[in-house]
Amino acid sequence: MESAISDVSPTLTIEIADRAALVEFSRAHRQNPFSQARMRELGGTLRALDANDDVGCIVLTGGNGRSFSAGGDFHEVSTFTGGDEVNNWIDDITNLYTTIAGISKPVVAAIDGYAIGLGLQIALCCDYRVGSDACQLVMPELRMGIACNFGGFMLEKIVGRSVMQAMLFTAEGWNAQRALEDRLLHEVAPASKLVSRALEQARKIGSWTSQAVQGTRPNINAAF
């Protein structure tokens, strides 16, 4: 078994074992909001893992007892003073989504607590989503006065137009059972077993012939 643990940054930790890389959003804030710096860190980490021959599949998680992500860091956004800063923010979001969907290795999302807005969209870019029985998935942008083009596009591709419209226009939260029924989640696990179940799936995926997996993923994600 090959294993390595290293602190990538103050907000991300990574552990590699049995061809599965576990990336934990380790920010002190329990809800794991994403700043621009953190988006860039995650994108760089994913690109590095994609180039690592010891990794066959990647798991993203907010950590035990922590939310996957409550979305963008709106404290940071509130400090923006002009359009250029907003455009840079949007560029960083787009680049992160493109990275998650565009790398050659599959990505599993292990979702506990909240996955809200940008946090849910990060999960939607992943290939396989395991939710805890306590998770809540929300796309609240319209309620907050924010356009939701990225989220609407992703949702329609994954769950269809009707569910997309319900999530966007009601801005209600989907619990684990409803998310499973509507295909936002592939499976649900007890919170205490969430990460271990996601890693189990990642190790299985990572055991497949890498040429086959890496020759498939970019093609099926090309239109996403």
Protein backbone atom coordinates (compact mmCIF):
# COMPACT_ATOMS: atom_id res chain seq x y z
CA MET A 1 0.00 0.00 0.00
CA GLU A 2 1.35 3.40 -0.95
CA SER A 3 0.48 6.18 1.45
CA ALA A 4 1.40 9.81 1.90
CA ILE A 5 -0.06 12.63 3.95
CA SER A 6 0.82 16.28 3.47
CA ASP A 7 -0.64 19.67 4.31
CA VAL A 8 -1.18 21.44 0.99
CA SER A 9 -2.28 24.71 2.58
CA PRO A 10 -3.97 26.04 5.71
CA THR A 11 -7.33 25.27 4.07
CA LEU A 12 -6.73 21.92 2.33
CA THR A 13 -5.27 18.62 3.46
CA ILE A 14 -4.61 15.62 1.29
CA GLU A 15 -4.09 11.93 2.00
CA ILE A 16 -3.22 9.35 -0.66
CA ALA A 17 -3.67 5.62 -0.09
CA ASP A 18 -4.62 2.67 -2.29
CA ARG A 19 -4.88 4.89 -5.39
CA ALA A 20 -7.48 7.15 -3.76
CA ALA A 21 -6.69 10.76 -2.85
CA LEU A 22 -8.77 12.29 -0.05
CA VAL A 23 -8.90 16.09 -0.24
CA GLU A 24 -10.43 17.69 2.85
CA PHE A 25 -11.55 21.29 3.01
CA SER A 26 -9.90 22.03 6.34
CA ARG A 27 -10.77 25.68 6.85
CA ALA A 28 -11.46 26.58 10.48
CA HIS A 29 -14.98 27.75 9.58
CA ARG A 30 -17.29 24.73 9.95
CA GLN A 31 -19.35 25.68 6.90
CA ASN A 32 -16.31 25.73 4.55
CA PRO A 33 -16.98 28.86 2.46
CA PHE A 34 -14.83 29.29 -0.65
CA SER A 35 -12.71 32.41 -1.13
CA GLN A 36 -10.92 33.14 -4.40
CA ALA A 37 -7.62 31.95 -2.93
CA ARG A 38 -9.22 28.72 -1.84
CA MET A 39 -10.73 28.11 -5.26
CA ARG A 40 -7.29 28.53 -6.80
CA GLU A 41 -5.73 26.22 -4.20
CA LEU A 42 -8.26 23.50 -4.88
CA GLY A 43 -7.82 23.82 -8.64
CA GLY A 44 -4.04 23.57 -8.32
CA THR A 45 -4.32 20.59 -6.00
CA LEU A 46 -6.60 18.74 -8.42
CA ARG A 47 -4.25 19.37 -11.32
CA ALA A 48 -1.33 18.05 -9.26
CA LEU A 49 -3.28 14.93 -8.29
CA ASP A 50 -4.26 14.41 -11.92
CA ALA A 51 -0.55 14.26 -12.75
CA ASN A 52 0.23 11.86 -9.88
CA ASP A 53 0.52 8.26 -11.09
CA ASP A 54 -0.25 6.97 -7.57
CA VAL A 55 -3.77 8.44 -7.78
CA GLY A 56 -6.61 6.82 -9.69
CA CYS A 57 -9.57 8.66 -8.16
CA ILE A 58 -10.10 11.74 -5.97
CA VAL A 59 -12.53 12.30 -3.07
CA LEU A 60 -13.58 15.80 -2.00
CA THR A 61 -15.01 16.26 1.50
CA GLY A 62 -15.65 18.96 4.06
CA GLY A 63 -14.41 16.63 6.79
CA ASN A 64 -16.19 14.72 9.53
CA GLY A 65 -18.87 16.81 11.20
CA ARG A 66 -18.34 19.75 8.84
CA SER A 67 -20.39 20.97 5.90
CA PHE A 68 -19.17 20.15 2.40
CA SER A 69 -19.38 23.87 1.62
CA ALA A 70 -21.88 26.63 2.31
CA GLY A 71 -20.82 28.29 -0.96
CA GLY A 72 -18.87 31.40 -1.81
CA ASP A 73 -17.16 33.57 0.79
CA PHE A 74 -19.58 36.48 0.72
CA HIS A 75 -17.58 38.34 3.35
CA GLU A 76 -14.87 38.55 0.69
CA VAL A 77 -17.37 39.45 -2.03
CA SER A 78 -18.74 42.30 0.11
CA THR A 79 -15.33 43.99 -0.05
CA PHE A 80 -15.33 44.18 -3.86
CA THR A 81 -15.37 47.76 -5.11
CA GLY A 82 -15.62 47.36 -8.88
CA GLY A 83 -16.58 45.25 -11.84
CA ASP A 84 -13.06 43.93 -12.40
CA GLU A 85 -13.08 42.22 -9.00
CA VAL A 86 -16.45 40.64 -9.73
CA ASN A 87 -15.23 39.46 -13.13
CA ASN A 88 -12.11 37.95 -11.54
CA TRP A 89 -14.34 36.16 -9.01
CA ILE A 90 -16.46 34.70 -11.81
CA ASP A 91 -13.33 33.68 -13.71
CA ASP A 92 -12.03 31.82 -10.65
CA ILE A 93 -15.34 29.99 -10.26
CA THR A 94 -15.37 29.04 -13.94
CA ASN A 95 -11.76 27.87 -13.83
CA LEU A 96 -12.46 25.67 -10.80
CA TYR A 97 -15.49 24.03 -12.40
CA THR A 98 -13.57 23.51 -15.63
CA THR A 99 -10.71 21.91 -13.71
CA ILE A 100 -12.94 19.50 -11.79
CA ALA A 101 -14.79 18.44 -14.94
CA GLY A 102 -11.73 18.49 -17.18
CA ILE A 103 -9.09 16.46 -15.36
CA SER A 104 -8.69 12.88 -16.51
CA LYS A 105 -9.32 11.22 -13.13
CA PRO A 106 -12.79 10.73 -11.64
CA VAL A 107 -13.85 12.79 -8.63
CA VAL A 108 -16.19 11.64 -5.83
CA ALA A 109 -17.97 14.15 -3.57
CA ALA A 110 -18.60 13.10 0.05
CA ILE A 111 -21.29 15.53 1.20
CA ASP A 112 -22.11 16.09 4.86
CA GLY A 113 -24.03 19.03 6.29
CA TYR A 114 -24.70 21.76 3.77
CA ALA A 115 -23.82 21.97 0.07
CA ILE A 116 -25.12 25.39 -0.88
CA GLY A 117 -24.78 27.41 -4.07
CA LEU A 118 -21.17 27.28 -5.21
CA GLY A 119 -20.62 24.37 -2.82
CA LEU A 120 -23.38 22.35 -4.47
CA GLN A 121 -22.08 23.28 -7.91
CA ILE A 122 -18.64 21.94 -6.99
CA ALA A 123 -20.33 18.67 -6.04
CA LEU A 124 -22.30 18.63 -9.30
CA CYS A 125 -19.02 18.81 -11.25
CA CYS A 126 -17.99 15.53 -9.61
CA ASP A 127 -18.63 12.11 -11.14
CA TYR A 128 -20.15 10.42 -8.10
CA ARG A 129 -21.90 11.96 -5.09
CA VAL A 130 -22.32 10.23 -1.74
CA GLY A 131 -24.41 12.18 0.76
CA SER A 132 -24.74 11.68 4.48
CA ASP A 133 -28.20 11.07 5.88
CA ALA A 134 -27.98 14.57 7.40
CA CYS A 135 -26.98 16.50 4.28
CA GLN A 136 -28.91 19.43 2.81
CA LEU A 137 -28.51 20.54 -0.81
CA VAL A 138 -29.60 24.07 -1.67
CA MET A 139 -29.37 26.43 -4.65
CA PRO A 140 -30.43 29.74 -3.01
CA GLU A 141 -29.04 32.27 -5.50
CA LEU A 142 -32.36 33.72 -6.71
CA ARG A 143 -33.51 34.26 -3.12
CA MET A 144 -30.26 36.17 -2.54
CA GLY A 145 -30.67 38.32 -5.64
CA ILE A 146 -27.95 36.53 -7.62
CA ALA A 147 -28.31 35.07 -11.13
CA CYS A 148 -27.82 31.29 -11.23
CA ASN A 149 -26.74 30.45 -14.76
CA PHE A 150 -24.00 27.95 -13.87
CA GLY A 151 -26.19 26.17 -11.35
CA GLY A 152 -29.19 26.02 -13.65
CA PHE A 153 -27.14 24.56 -16.49
CA MET A 154 -25.56 21.90 -14.26
CA LEU A 155 -28.84 20.91 -12.64
CA GLU A 156 -30.67 20.54 -15.95
CA LYS A 157 -27.89 18.31 -17.30
CA ILE A 158 -28.01 16.06 -14.22
CA VAL A 159 -31.59 16.01 -12.94
CA GLY A 160 -33.65 17.43 -15.80
CA ARG A 161 -35.56 20.64 -16.35
CA SER A 162 -38.42 20.11 -13.88
CA VAL A 163 -36.24 19.44 -10.82
CA MET A 164 -33.87 22.22 -11.87
CA GLN A 165 -36.76 24.68 -11.98
CA ALA A 166 -38.03 23.55 -8.59
CA MET A 167 -34.63 23.95 -6.94
CA LEU A 168 -33.89 27.34 -8.49
CA PHE A 169 -37.26 29.03 -8.19
CA THR A 170 -38.25 27.77 -4.73
CA ALA A 171 -34.68 28.01 -3.35
CA GLU A 172 -35.67 25.24 -0.93
CA GLY A 173 -33.29 22.69 0.53
CA TRP A 174 -33.30 19.07 -0.61
CA ASN A 175 -32.69 16.56 2.19
CA ALA A 176 -30.77 13.35 1.56
CA GLN A 177 -33.79 11.22 0.64
CA ARG A 178 -35.24 13.77 -1.76
CA ALA A 179 -31.81 14.37 -3.31
CA LEU A 180 -31.40 10.63 -3.84
CA GLU A 181 -34.84 10.31 -5.43
CA ASP A 182 -34.13 13.26 -7.75
CA ARG A 183 -30.69 11.87 -8.71
CA LEU A 184 -28.68 14.69 -7.15
CA LEU A 185 -27.02 11.95 -5.08
CA HIS A 186 -25.96 8.50 -6.21
CA GLU A 187 -26.19 7.04 -2.72
CA VAL A 188 -26.69 7.95 0.94
CA ALA A 189 -24.59 6.74 3.87
CA PRO A 190 -24.73 7.31 7.63
CA ALA A 191 -22.72 10.41 8.54
CA SER A 192 -20.29 8.30 10.56
CA LYS A 193 -19.50 6.18 7.49
CA LEU A 194 -19.69 8.84 4.79
CA VAL A 195 -15.99 9.33 4.08
CA SER A 196 -15.17 5.62 4.35
CA ARG A 197 -17.95 4.81 1.87
CA ALA A 198 -16.75 7.49 -0.56
CA LEU A 199 -13.19 6.16 -0.28
CA GLU A 200 -14.44 2.62 -0.88
CA GLN A 201 -16.01 3.73 -4.15
CA ALA A 202 -12.93 5.77 -5.08
CA ARG A 203 -10.60 2.81 -4.51
CA LYS A 204 -12.81 0.63 -6.68
CA ILE A 205 -12.82 3.23 -9.45
CA GLY A 206 -9.08 3.73 -9.02
CA SER A 207 -8.50 0.01 -9.54
CA TRP A 208 -9.86 0.08 -13.08
CA THR A 209 -7.43 0.30 -15.98
CA SER A 210 -6.29 3.92 -15.97
CA GLN A 211 -6.17 4.19 -19.76
CA ALA A 212 -9.82 3.17 -20.01
CA VAL A 213 -11.00 5.55 -17.28
CA GLN A 214 -8.90 8.48 -18.43
CA GLY A 215 -9.94 7.88 -22.02
CA THR A 216 -13.61 7.97 -21.04
CA ARG A 217 -14.01 10.81 -18.54
CA PRO A 218 -12.93 13.77 -20.72
CA ASN A 219 -15.23 12.61 -23.51
CA ILE A 220 -18.36 12.19 -21.40
CA ASN A 221 -17.70 15.54 -19.70
CA ALA A 222 -17.01 17.42 -22.93
CA ALA A 223 -20.58 18.71 -23.18
CA PHE A 224 -20.98 19.42 -19.46
